[in-house]
Amino acid sequence: MRPIHIVGFGLWTPGFPDPTAWREGRPDPDVVKPPCRLVNARLKRGSSRFANMLGEVVEQAATAASIDVTKVPTFYGSSLGEIETMVTLLRMLYEEEGKLSPNRFKNSVHNAASGLVSIGTENTAFSTAIAGGTRSFEATLIEAWAYLEQEGGSVILAVADDRAPEPLDALDDHEALAIGIALALEGDGPRLEGLRAGEPVDRNANLSAALRASCASPGLELLDAVLARRAGPVALSPLGGPQLVADLVLPA
């Protein structure tokens, strides 16, 4: 496959509103909800924090890359998707009167964030939402890379999971994390090339266990490698199991 260029990043996780704050290690306890200014308040009514996390990093990546967010193709990935909304609906079924909120129901599907951002920005370009379990980042990246190979231009991928709600938090203690990456077939910045199933590579030992458990953690490691100007092989898969690897090449 042809190389692809990384032209913009977005990040949101509790305490860190953007990539710069995270890289500099400046947590802010007031950062608990992403602003997601792409979508107006009326349209966001009833949407989950998860959906707003994805919208926020799409906006950040598009801004960093000077990409028109009203026209760019978008690729969304998540392991759990709208799990908080789904748990709420199940509670309504089994613990209340058994009636479901139509507004919550429409926001429970896996592509709810894709629809929210597309409608909020009046973007009619291609958009997809991928459920790849713990390997959602690499699955979404492969989809975006293949699209660029075929169509050219620029795309934005956004991968996220919110924290698991009760009672699922007893089984899964990952931290909420959303990563957005603007990619282009042409450019003069950092690029990924040599996509392959490959050898183990060094991982970022500074990531907390809660962040590493997120399906978006490979994107966080890629962000860290770019900001630290650490060229070489990067893992696009979570720890454990077969590894998908690409080479990060930095401009001179």
C-alpha atoms as a PDB file:
ATOM      1  CA  MET A   1       0.000   0.000   0.000  1.00  0.00           C
ATOM      2  CA  ARG A   2       1.113   3.567  -0.655  1.00  0.00           C
ATOM      3  CA  PRO A   3       2.369   5.640   2.304  1.00  0.00           C
ATOM      4  CA  ILE A   4      -0.129   7.859   4.094  1.00  0.00           C
ATOM      5  CA  HIS A   5       0.667  11.171   5.767  1.00  0.00           C
ATOM      6  CA  ILE A   6      -0.388  12.182   9.258  1.00  0.00           C
ATOM      7  CA  VAL A   7      -1.535  15.780   8.985  1.00  0.00           C
ATOM      8  CA  GLY A   8      -3.399  16.362  12.247  1.00  0.00           C
ATOM      9  CA  PHE A   9      -4.211  14.848  15.641  1.00  0.00           C
ATOM     10  CA  GLY A  10      -6.993  15.141  18.180  1.00  0.00           C
ATOM     11  CA  LEU A  11      -7.150  13.729  21.712  1.00  0.00           C
ATOM     12  CA  TRP A  12      -9.603  13.786  24.569  1.00  0.00           C
ATOM     13  CA  THR A  13      -9.417  11.918  27.857  1.00  0.00           C
ATOM     14  CA  PRO A  14     -10.533  13.026  31.336  1.00  0.00           C
ATOM     15  CA  GLY A  15      -8.077  15.629  32.593  1.00  0.00           C
ATOM     16  CA  PHE A  16      -6.585  16.297  29.157  1.00  0.00           C
ATOM     17  CA  PRO A  17      -8.564  18.296  26.568  1.00  0.00           C
ATOM     18  CA  ASP A  18      -6.096  18.019  23.662  1.00  0.00           C
ATOM     19  CA  PRO A  19      -2.801  16.447  22.504  1.00  0.00           C
ATOM     20  CA  THR A  20      -0.624  19.295  23.786  1.00  0.00           C
ATOM     21  CA  ALA A  21      -1.932  19.083  27.348  1.00  0.00           C
ATOM     22  CA  TRP A  22      -1.464  15.321  27.409  1.00  0.00           C
ATOM     23  CA  ARG A  23       2.046  15.427  25.971  1.00  0.00           C
ATOM     24  CA  GLU A  24       3.075  18.110  28.482  1.00  0.00           C
ATOM     25  CA  GLY A  25       1.529  16.175  31.383  1.00  0.00           C
ATOM     26  CA  ARG A  26      -0.733  19.013  32.531  1.00  0.00           C
ATOM     27  CA  PRO A  27      -3.908  17.384  33.853  1.00  0.00           C
ATOM     28  CA  ASP A  28      -6.911  19.605  34.523  1.00  0.00           C
ATOM     29  CA  PRO A  29      -9.451  18.102  36.954  1.00  0.00           C
ATOM     30  CA  ASP A  30     -12.192  20.245  35.416  1.00  0.00           C
ATOM     31  CA  VAL A  31     -11.905  18.408  32.082  1.00  0.00           C
ATOM     32  CA  VAL A  32     -14.656  15.837  32.462  1.00  0.00           C
ATOM     33  CA  LYS A  33     -16.816  16.428  29.382  1.00  0.00           C
ATOM     34  CA  PRO A  34     -15.721  17.220  25.806  1.00  0.00           C
ATOM     35  CA  PRO A  35     -17.185  20.448  24.384  1.00  0.00           C
ATOM     36  CA  CYS A  36     -17.805  19.052  20.844  1.00  0.00           C
ATOM     37  CA  ARG A  37     -18.554  22.490  19.415  1.00  0.00           C
ATOM     38  CA  LEU A  38     -19.084  21.002  15.960  1.00  0.00           C
ATOM     39  CA  VAL A  39     -22.630  20.134  16.966  1.00  0.00           C
ATOM     40  CA  ASN A  40     -25.154  22.607  18.325  1.00  0.00           C
ATOM     41  CA  ALA A  41     -26.756  22.115  21.742  1.00  0.00           C
ATOM     42  CA  ARG A  42     -30.180  21.194  20.374  1.00  0.00           C
ATOM     43  CA  LEU A  43     -28.805  18.412  18.215  1.00  0.00           C
ATOM     44  CA  LYS A  44     -26.561  17.144  21.020  1.00  0.00           C
ATOM     45  CA  ARG A  45     -29.504  16.790  23.419  1.00  0.00           C
ATOM     46  CA  GLY A  46     -29.524  13.209  24.674  1.00  0.00           C
ATOM     47  CA  SER A  47     -26.200  12.315  23.071  1.00  0.00           C
ATOM     48  CA  SER A  48     -23.645  10.429  25.158  1.00  0.00           C
ATOM     49  CA  ARG A  49     -20.255  11.586  26.354  1.00  0.00           C
ATOM     50  CA  PHE A  50     -18.848   8.900  24.048  1.00  0.00           C
ATOM     51  CA  ALA A  51     -20.416  10.507  20.956  1.00  0.00           C
ATOM     52  CA  ASN A  52     -19.178  13.920  22.031  1.00  0.00           C
ATOM     53  CA  MET A  53     -15.672  12.518  22.564  1.00  0.00           C
ATOM     54  CA  LEU A  54     -15.599  11.359  18.954  1.00  0.00           C
ATOM     55  CA  GLY A  55     -16.967  14.662  17.663  1.00  0.00           C
ATOM     56  CA  GLU A  56     -14.400  16.572  19.701  1.00  0.00           C
ATOM     57  CA  VAL A  57     -11.369  14.724  18.299  1.00  0.00           C
ATOM     58  CA  VAL A  58     -12.733  14.952  14.746  1.00  0.00           C
ATOM     59  CA  GLU A  59     -12.887  18.723  15.177  1.00  0.00           C
ATOM     60  CA  GLN A  60      -9.389  18.902  16.689  1.00  0.00           C
ATOM     61  CA  ALA A  61      -7.833  16.777  13.922  1.00  0.00           C
ATOM     62  CA  ALA A  62      -9.601  18.731  11.177  1.00  0.00           C
ATOM     63  CA  THR A  63      -8.507  22.049  12.670  1.00  0.00           C
ATOM     64  CA  ALA A  64      -4.890  20.901  13.042  1.00  0.00           C
ATOM     65  CA  ALA A  65      -4.857  19.749   9.414  1.00  0.00           C
ATOM     66  CA  SER A  66      -6.832  22.726   8.017  1.00  0.00           C
ATOM     67  CA  ILE A  67      -9.342  20.251   6.578  1.00  0.00           C
ATOM     68  CA  ASP A  68     -12.929  21.268   5.811  1.00  0.00           C
ATOM     69  CA  VAL A  69     -14.915  19.233   8.320  1.00  0.00           C
ATOM     70  CA  THR A  70     -18.069  19.684   6.254  1.00  0.00           C
ATOM     71  CA  LYS A  71     -16.628  17.666   3.367  1.00  0.00           C
ATOM     72  CA  VAL A  72     -14.055  15.196   4.702  1.00  0.00           C
ATOM     73  CA  PRO A  73     -14.772  11.418   4.738  1.00  0.00           C
ATOM     74  CA  THR A  74     -14.842  10.066   8.299  1.00  0.00           C
ATOM     75  CA  PHE A  75     -14.022   6.679   9.817  1.00  0.00           C
ATOM     76  CA  TYR A  76     -15.186   5.884  13.338  1.00  0.00           C
ATOM     77  CA  GLY A  77     -14.089   2.937  15.455  1.00  0.00           C
ATOM     78  CA  SER A  78     -15.022   1.629  18.887  1.00  0.00           C
ATOM     79  CA  SER A  79     -15.070  -1.563  20.887  1.00  0.00           C
ATOM     80  CA  LEU A  80     -18.036  -0.845  23.174  1.00  0.00           C
ATOM     81  CA  GLY A  81     -19.740   1.896  21.179  1.00  0.00           C
ATOM     82  CA  GLU A  82     -22.786   3.441  22.837  1.00  0.00           C
ATOM     83  CA  ILE A  83     -22.589   1.053  25.790  1.00  0.00           C
ATOM     84  CA  GLU A  84     -23.767   3.563  28.408  1.00  0.00           C
ATOM     85  CA  THR A  85     -26.887   4.345  26.397  1.00  0.00           C
ATOM     86  CA  MET A  86     -27.530   0.635  25.837  1.00  0.00           C
ATOM     87  CA  VAL A  87     -27.220  -0.163  29.558  1.00  0.00           C
ATOM     88  CA  THR A  88     -29.638   2.686  30.312  1.00  0.00           C
ATOM     89  CA  LEU A  89     -32.156   1.240  27.836  1.00  0.00           C
ATOM     90  CA  LEU A  90     -31.827  -2.221  29.375  1.00  0.00           C
ATOM     91  CA  ARG A  91     -32.461  -0.757  32.821  1.00  0.00           C
ATOM     92  CA  MET A  92     -35.565   0.951  31.473  1.00  0.00           C
ATOM     93  CA  LEU A  93     -36.775  -2.380  30.127  1.00  0.00           C
ATOM     94  CA  TYR A  94     -36.151  -4.461  33.210  1.00  0.00           C
ATOM     95  CA  GLU A  95     -36.257  -2.071  36.162  1.00  0.00           C
ATOM     96  CA  GLU A  96     -38.807   0.548  35.119  1.00  0.00           C
ATOM     97  CA  GLU A  97     -42.054   0.376  33.127  1.00  0.00           C
ATOM     98  CA  GLY A  98     -40.506  -1.297  30.093  1.00  0.00           C
ATOM     99  CA  LYS A  99     -40.896   1.763  27.878  1.00  0.00           C
ATOM    100  CA  LEU A 100     -37.922   2.966  25.892  1.00  0.00           C
ATOM    101  CA  SER A 101     -37.027   6.587  25.242  1.00  0.00           C
ATOM    102  CA  PRO A 102     -37.120   7.152  21.450  1.00  0.00           C
ATOM    103  CA  ASN A 103     -34.369   9.760  21.796  1.00  0.00           C
ATOM    104  CA  ARG A 104     -32.103   7.366  23.694  1.00  0.00           C
ATOM    105  CA  PHE A 105     -32.933   4.552  21.297  1.00  0.00           C
ATOM    106  CA  LYS A 106     -31.790   6.512  18.244  1.00  0.00           C
ATOM    107  CA  ASN A 107     -28.576   7.343  20.094  1.00  0.00           C
ATOM    108  CA  SER A 108     -27.845   3.701  20.977  1.00  0.00           C
ATOM    109  CA  VAL A 109     -26.629   2.494  17.575  1.00  0.00           C
ATOM    110  CA  HIS A 110     -22.937   2.056  16.817  1.00  0.00           C
ATOM    111  CA  ASN A 111     -22.914   4.826  14.187  1.00  0.00           C
ATOM    112  CA  ALA A 112     -24.691   7.393  16.378  1.00  0.00           C
ATOM    113  CA  ALA A 113     -21.589   9.605  16.571  1.00  0.00           C
ATOM    114  CA  SER A 114     -21.110   9.399  12.805  1.00  0.00           C
ATOM    115  CA  GLY A 115     -24.678  10.551  12.291  1.00  0.00           C
ATOM    116  CA  LEU A 116     -24.439  13.255  14.958  1.00  0.00           C
ATOM    117  CA  VAL A 117     -21.304  14.831  13.467  1.00  0.00           C
ATOM    118  CA  SER A 118     -22.430  14.400   9.865  1.00  0.00           C
ATOM    119  CA  ILE A 119     -25.766  16.102  10.550  1.00  0.00           C
ATOM    120  CA  GLY A 120     -24.205  18.761  12.785  1.00  0.00           C
ATOM    121  CA  THR A 121     -21.686  19.741  10.095  1.00  0.00           C
ATOM    122  CA  GLU A 122     -23.957  19.041   7.091  1.00  0.00           C
ATOM    123  CA  ASN A 123     -21.285  16.660   5.821  1.00  0.00           C
ATOM    124  CA  THR A 124     -22.626  14.287   3.160  1.00  0.00           C
ATOM    125  CA  ALA A 125     -19.264  12.646   2.434  1.00  0.00           C
ATOM    126  CA  PHE A 126     -18.553   8.977   3.053  1.00  0.00           C
ATOM    127  CA  SER A 127     -18.703   7.875   6.693  1.00  0.00           C
ATOM    128  CA  THR A 128     -18.510   4.493   8.391  1.00  0.00           C
ATOM    129  CA  ALA A 129     -18.508   3.124  11.934  1.00  0.00           C
ATOM    130  CA  ILE A 130     -16.464   0.019  12.717  1.00  0.00           C
ATOM    131  CA  ALA A 131     -16.735  -2.377  15.648  1.00  0.00           C
ATOM    132  CA  GLY A 132     -13.445  -4.232  15.909  1.00  0.00           C
ATOM    133  CA  GLY A 133     -13.341  -5.122  19.585  1.00  0.00           C
ATOM    134  CA  THR A 134      -9.993  -4.422  21.206  1.00  0.00           C
ATOM    135  CA  ARG A 135      -8.489  -4.144  17.711  1.00  0.00           C
ATOM    136  CA  SER A 136     -10.815  -1.337  16.636  1.00  0.00           C
ATOM    137  CA  PHE A 137      -7.983   1.139  16.073  1.00  0.00           C
ATOM    138  CA  GLU A 138      -6.152  -1.015  13.557  1.00  0.00           C
ATOM    139  CA  ALA A 139      -9.396  -2.066  11.852  1.00  0.00           C
ATOM    140  CA  THR A 140     -10.424   1.562  11.421  1.00  0.00           C
ATOM    141  CA  LEU A 141      -6.967   2.578  10.243  1.00  0.00           C
ATOM    142  CA  ILE A 142      -6.899  -0.199   7.621  1.00  0.00           C
ATOM    143  CA  GLU A 143     -10.310   0.930   6.351  1.00  0.00           C
ATOM    144  CA  ALA A 144      -9.177   4.562   6.128  1.00  0.00           C
ATOM    145  CA  TRP A 145      -5.862   3.600   4.502  1.00  0.00           C
ATOM    146  CA  ALA A 146      -7.642   1.473   1.891  1.00  0.00           C
ATOM    147  CA  TYR A 147     -10.038   4.343   1.135  1.00  0.00           C
ATOM    148  CA  LEU A 148      -7.129   6.736   0.592  1.00  0.00           C
ATOM    149  CA  GLU A 149      -5.429   4.196  -1.648  1.00  0.00           C
ATOM    150  CA  GLN A 150      -8.560   4.058  -3.780  1.00  0.00           C
ATOM    151  CA  GLU A 151      -9.880   7.615  -3.634  1.00  0.00           C
ATOM    152  CA  GLY A 152      -6.963   9.840  -2.588  1.00  0.00           C
ATOM    153  CA  GLY A 153      -7.488  13.126  -0.781  1.00  0.00           C
ATOM    154  CA  SER A 154      -7.830  13.363   2.997  1.00  0.00           C
ATOM    155  CA  VAL A 155      -9.819  11.531   5.672  1.00  0.00           C
ATOM    156  CA  ILE A 156     -10.294  11.666   9.417  1.00  0.00           C
ATOM    157  CA  LEU A 157     -10.419   8.600  11.632  1.00  0.00           C
ATOM    158  CA  ALA A 158     -11.687   8.768  15.205  1.00  0.00           C
ATOM    159  CA  VAL A 159     -11.477   5.863  17.643  1.00  0.00           C
ATOM    160  CA  ALA A 160     -12.806   5.896  21.196  1.00  0.00           C
ATOM    161  CA  ASP A 161     -14.355   4.113  24.115  1.00  0.00           C
ATOM    162  CA  ASP A 162     -15.863   5.731  27.174  1.00  0.00           C
ATOM    163  CA  ARG A 163     -15.476   4.087  30.567  1.00  0.00           C
ATOM    164  CA  ALA A 164     -17.664   1.040  31.015  1.00  0.00           C
ATOM    165  CA  PRO A 165     -20.805   1.868  33.040  1.00  0.00           C
ATOM    166  CA  GLU A 166     -22.073  -0.114  36.021  1.00  0.00           C
ATOM    167  CA  PRO A 167     -22.231  -3.073  36.307  1.00  0.00           C
ATOM    168  CA  LEU A 168     -19.763  -3.673  33.451  1.00  0.00           C
ATOM    169  CA  ASP A 169     -17.062  -1.604  35.152  1.00  0.00           C
ATOM    170  CA  ALA A 170     -16.418  -4.596  37.421  1.00  0.00           C
ATOM    171  CA  LEU A 171     -15.142  -6.465  34.354  1.00  0.00           C
ATOM    172  CA  ASP A 172     -13.442  -3.651  32.434  1.00  0.00           C
ATOM    173  CA  ASP A 173     -11.578  -0.743  34.023  1.00  0.00           C
ATOM    174  CA  HIS A 174     -10.235   1.075  30.951  1.00  0.00           C
ATOM    175  CA  GLU A 175     -10.133   4.875  30.979  1.00  0.00           C
ATOM    176  CA  ALA A 176     -12.188   6.970  28.585  1.00  0.00           C
ATOM    177  CA  LEU A 177     -10.029   7.870  25.582  1.00  0.00           C
ATOM    178  CA  ALA A 178     -10.663   9.287  22.114  1.00  0.00           C
ATOM    179  CA  ILE A 179      -8.040   9.714  19.396  1.00  0.00           C
ATOM    180  CA  GLY A 180      -8.588  11.535  16.093  1.00  0.00           C
ATOM    181  CA  ILE A 181      -6.124  11.463  13.194  1.00  0.00           C
ATOM    182  CA  ALA A 182      -6.307  13.382   9.937  1.00  0.00           C
ATOM    183  CA  LEU A 183      -4.654  11.403   7.135  1.00  0.00           C
ATOM    184  CA  ALA A 184      -3.799  12.328   3.561  1.00  0.00           C
ATOM    185  CA  LEU A 185      -2.318  10.525   0.598  1.00  0.00           C
ATOM    186  CA  GLU A 186      -0.049  13.493  -0.122  1.00  0.00           C
ATOM    187  CA  GLY A 187       1.884  15.678   2.282  1.00  0.00           C
ATOM    188  CA  ASP A 188       5.267  16.626   3.666  1.00  0.00           C
ATOM    189  CA  GLY A 189       4.828  15.665   7.327  1.00  0.00           C
ATOM    190  CA  PRO A 190       5.140  12.376   9.218  1.00  0.00           C
ATOM    191  CA  ARG A 191       3.994   9.349   7.270  1.00  0.00           C
ATOM    192  CA  LEU A 192       3.187   5.690   7.786  1.00  0.00           C
ATOM    193  CA  GLU A 193       4.479   3.104   5.352  1.00  0.00           C
ATOM    194  CA  GLY A 194       5.318  -0.585   5.175  1.00  0.00           C
ATOM    195  CA  LEU A 195       2.083  -1.869   6.710  1.00  0.00           C
ATOM    196  CA  ARG A 196       2.617  -5.468   7.736  1.00  0.00           C
ATOM    197  CA  ALA A 197       1.843  -8.173  10.243  1.00  0.00           C
ATOM    198  CA  GLY A 198       5.111  -8.139  12.012  1.00  0.00           C
ATOM    199  CA  GLU A 199       7.618  -8.239  14.719  1.00  0.00           C
ATOM    200  CA  PRO A 200       7.092  -7.044  18.302  1.00  0.00           C
ATOM    201  CA  VAL A 201       8.088  -3.408  18.755  1.00  0.00           C
ATOM    202  CA  ASP A 202       8.828  -1.260  21.765  1.00  0.00           C
ATOM    203  CA  ARG A 203       5.722   0.071  23.517  1.00  0.00           C
ATOM    204  CA  ASN A 204       5.275   3.247  25.531  1.00  0.00           C
ATOM    205  CA  ALA A 205       5.990   2.109  29.086  1.00  0.00           C
ATOM    206  CA  ASN A 206       4.596   5.361  30.488  1.00  0.00           C
ATOM    207  CA  LEU A 207       0.981   4.638  29.555  1.00  0.00           C
ATOM    208  CA  SER A 208      -1.192   3.779  32.526  1.00  0.00           C
ATOM    209  CA  ALA A 209      -2.857   0.374  32.569  1.00  0.00           C
ATOM    210  CA  ALA A 210      -6.257   2.082  32.299  1.00  0.00           C
ATOM    211  CA  LEU A 211      -5.287   3.939  29.118  1.00  0.00           C
ATOM    212  CA  ARG A 212      -3.509   0.932  27.633  1.00  0.00           C
ATOM    213  CA  ALA A 213      -6.704  -1.096  28.069  1.00  0.00           C
ATOM    214  CA  SER A 214      -8.604   1.282  25.743  1.00  0.00           C
ATOM    215  CA  CYS A 215      -9.119   0.194  22.144  1.00  0.00           C
ATOM    216  CA  ALA A 216      -7.749   3.634  21.150  1.00  0.00           C
ATOM    217  CA  SER A 217      -4.411   3.107  22.935  1.00  0.00           C
ATOM    218  CA  PRO A 218      -2.408   2.289  19.746  1.00  0.00           C
ATOM    219  CA  GLY A 219      -3.457   5.695  18.434  1.00  0.00           C
ATOM    220  CA  LEU A 220      -2.194   7.290  21.630  1.00  0.00           C
ATOM    221  CA  GLU A 221       1.163   5.543  21.188  1.00  0.00           C
ATOM    222  CA  LEU A 222       1.319   6.751  17.580  1.00  0.00           C
ATOM    223  CA  LEU A 223       0.562  10.300  18.720  1.00  0.00           C
ATOM    224  CA  ASP A 224       3.316  10.062  21.326  1.00  0.00           C
ATOM    225  CA  ALA A 225       5.830   8.785  18.745  1.00  0.00           C
ATOM    226  CA  VAL A 226       5.021  11.654  16.367  1.00  0.00           C
ATOM    227  CA  LEU A 227       5.236  14.336  19.066  1.00  0.00           C
ATOM    228  CA  ALA A 228       8.481  12.860  20.424  1.00  0.00           C
ATOM    229  CA  ARG A 229       9.863  12.545  16.869  1.00  0.00           C
ATOM    230  CA  ARG A 230      10.537   8.860  17.432  1.00  0.00           C
ATOM    231  CA  ALA A 231      10.816   7.317  13.974  1.00  0.00           C
ATOM    232  CA  GLY A 232      10.781   3.598  13.281  1.00  0.00           C
ATOM    233  CA  PRO A 233       8.355   0.696  13.649  1.00  0.00           C
ATOM    234  CA  VAL A 234       5.132   1.462  15.523  1.00  0.00           C
ATOM    235  CA  ALA A 235       2.550  -1.036  16.717  1.00  0.00           C
ATOM    236  CA  LEU A 236      -0.983  -0.405  15.492  1.00  0.00           C
ATOM    237  CA  SER A 237      -2.430  -3.244  17.576  1.00  0.00           C
ATOM    238  CA  PRO A 238      -3.104  -3.557  21.302  1.00  0.00           C
ATOM    239  CA  LEU A 239      -0.834  -5.659  23.449  1.00  0.00           C
ATOM    240  CA  GLY A 240      -1.372  -9.383  23.070  1.00  0.00           C
ATOM    241  CA  GLY A 241      -2.082 -11.381  19.958  1.00  0.00           C
ATOM    242  CA  PRO A 242      -0.749 -10.801  16.438  1.00  0.00           C
ATOM    243  CA  GLN A 243       0.721  -7.374  15.823  1.00  0.00           C
ATOM    244  CA  LEU A 244       0.098  -5.022  12.910  1.00  0.00           C
ATOM    245  CA  VAL A 245       3.130  -2.808  12.374  1.00  0.00           C
ATOM    246  CA  ALA A 246       4.001   0.165  10.178  1.00  0.00           C
ATOM    247  CA  ASP A 247       7.050   2.382   9.928  1.00  0.00           C
ATOM    248  CA  LEU A 248       6.777   5.960  11.090  1.00  0.00           C
ATOM    249  CA  VAL A 249       8.930   8.126   8.819  1.00  0.00           C
ATOM    250  CA  LEU A 250       9.623  11.703   9.881  1.00  0.00           C
ATOM    251  CA  PRO A 251      10.602  14.592   7.600  1.00  0.00           C
ATOM    252  CA  ALA A 252      14.195  15.742   7.857  1.00  0.00           C
END
